[in-house]
Protein backbone atom coordinates (compact mmCIF):
# COMPACT_ATOMS: atom_id res chain seq x y z
CA UNK A 1 0.00 0.00 0.00
CA UNK A 2 1.37 3.42 -0.90
CA UNK A 3 1.53 6.50 1.30
CA UNK A 4 -1.09 8.10 -0.98
CA UNK A 5 -3.41 5.14 -0.35
CA UNK A 6 -2.94 5.57 3.39
CA UNK A 7 -3.76 9.27 3.13
CA UNK A 8 -6.91 8.46 1.17
CA UNK A 9 -7.90 5.94 3.87
CA UNK A 10 -7.40 8.62 6.58
CA UNK A 11 -4.80 6.56 8.41
CA UNK A 12 -2.40 7.86 11.07
CA UNK A 13 1.23 7.02 10.38
CA UNK A 14 4.77 8.32 9.99
CA UNK A 15 6.80 8.54 6.80
CA UNK A 16 10.48 9.36 6.36
CA UNK A 17 11.61 12.34 4.33
CA UNK A 18 12.85 9.93 1.65
CA UNK A 19 9.32 8.48 1.30
CA UNK A 20 9.85 5.32 3.34
CA UNK A 21 6.74 4.32 5.33
CA UNK A 22 7.79 3.95 8.99
CA UNK A 23 4.68 2.53 10.60
CA UNK A 24 1.22 3.12 11.91
CA UNK A 25 0.46 5.39 14.85
CA UNK A 26 -1.63 2.94 16.82
CA UNK A 27 -1.67 2.12 20.51
CA UNK A 28 -2.49 -1.49 19.63
CA UNK A 29 0.77 -3.25 20.53
CA UNK A 30 -0.39 -6.33 18.58
CA UNK A 31 -0.97 -4.46 15.32
CA UNK A 32 1.76 -5.70 12.97
CA UNK A 33 2.29 -2.17 11.59
CA UNK A 34 2.22 -0.27 14.89
CA UNK A 35 5.40 1.52 15.95
CA UNK A 36 4.64 0.24 19.48
CA UNK A 37 4.80 -3.43 18.45
CA UNK A 38 8.32 -4.37 19.59
CA UNK A 39 8.12 -7.60 17.54
CA UNK A 40 6.88 -5.88 14.40
CA UNK A 41 8.92 -4.47 11.55
CA UNK A 42 8.18 -0.85 12.51
CA UNK A 43 8.65 -1.18 16.27
CA UNK A 44 11.61 -3.51 16.56
CA UNK A 45 14.96 -2.15 17.67
CA UNK A 46 16.59 -4.41 15.05
CA UNK A 47 14.54 -3.49 11.97
CA UNK A 48 16.06 -1.33 9.23
CA UNK A 49 12.75 0.55 8.83
CA UNK A 50 12.18 1.26 12.51
CA UNK A 51 12.71 4.57 14.30
CA UNK A 52 13.60 2.45 17.34
CA UNK A 53 16.79 1.08 15.75
CA UNK A 54 19.55 3.34 17.09
CA UNK A 55 21.97 2.04 14.44
CA UNK A 56 19.62 2.46 11.46
CA UNK A 57 19.14 5.53 9.29
CA UNK A 58 15.64 6.11 10.69
CA UNK A 59 16.60 5.85 14.37
CA UNK A 60 20.20 6.98 14.70
CA UNK A 61 20.83 10.24 16.56
CA UNK A 62 23.26 11.14 13.74
CA UNK A 63 21.02 10.51 10.73
CA UNK A 64 19.27 13.42 9.02
CA UNK A 65 16.23 11.14 8.50
CA UNK A 66 15.88 10.28 12.18
CA UNK A 67 13.52 11.86 14.72
CA UNK A 68 16.29 11.51 17.30
CA UNK A 69 18.67 13.94 15.58
CA UNK A 70 17.94 17.30 17.26
CA UNK A 71 19.56 19.24 14.39
CA UNK A 72 17.83 17.65 11.41
CA UNK A 73 15.58 19.61 9.10
CA UNK A 74 14.35 16.39 7.42
CA UNK A 75 12.74 14.23 10.16
CA UNK A 76 9.81 11.88 9.58
CA UNK A 77 6.44 13.48 8.88
CA UNK A 78 3.40 12.67 11.01
CA UNK A 79 0.07 12.05 9.30
CA UNK A 80 -2.96 12.22 11.57
CA UNK A 81 -6.08 10.68 10.06
CA UNK A 82 -4.76 11.26 6.55
CA UNK A 83 -3.64 14.85 7.01
CA UNK A 84 -0.07 16.01 7.52
CA UNK A 85 0.18 17.14 11.13
CA UNK A 86 3.85 17.96 11.55
CA UNK A 87 7.09 16.16 12.31
CA UNK A 88 8.34 13.52 14.71
CA UNK A 89 11.53 15.16 15.93
CA UNK A 90 13.66 16.42 18.77
CA UNK A 91 14.13 19.64 16.78
CA UNK A 92 11.81 22.12 18.56
CA UNK A 93 12.16 24.69 15.79
CA UNK A 94 10.14 22.73 13.23
CA UNK A 95 6.46 23.64 13.14
CA UNK A 96 4.23 20.88 14.46
CA UNK A 97 7.09 19.00 16.08
CA UNK A 98 6.25 16.06 18.32
CA UNK A 99 8.97 14.72 20.59
CA UNK A 100 9.61 11.03 19.74
CA UNK A 101 10.05 10.26 23.44
CA UNK A 102 6.45 11.41 23.97
CA UNK A 103 4.83 9.81 20.91
CA UNK A 104 2.82 7.29 22.93
CA UNK A 105 1.31 10.07 25.06
CA UNK A 106 0.61 12.07 21.90
CA UNK A 107 -1.19 9.04 20.41
CA UNK A 108 -3.31 8.71 23.56
CA UNK A 109 -4.25 12.40 23.46
CA UNK A 110 -5.27 11.98 19.82
CA UNK A 111 -7.24 8.78 20.49
CA UNK A 112 -5.21 6.59 18.15
CA UNK A 113 -6.37 3.23 19.41
């Protein structure tokens, strides 16, 4: 499924600046696409497409595509119910920034069950 398809379906998800889909914003830890599923491709600390992999390009504090790089201007974008909401990033100067350490709380506030 493409990012455009997900937008049309009003899904909540994150996508890297290079277009790579990085997972669903869902509090369901058993959802295979949820970033909170530690055994899933998007929530595992070992997956190459997970923001939780500190050695991967999407999770390293040194990568320009990672939400954990506080200096990046190209962090992952957040889509909330199909609309671009802002960015998942430690960079507080980007409009609509959501701290990746607080993403679970942000999902609860936005009722992303």
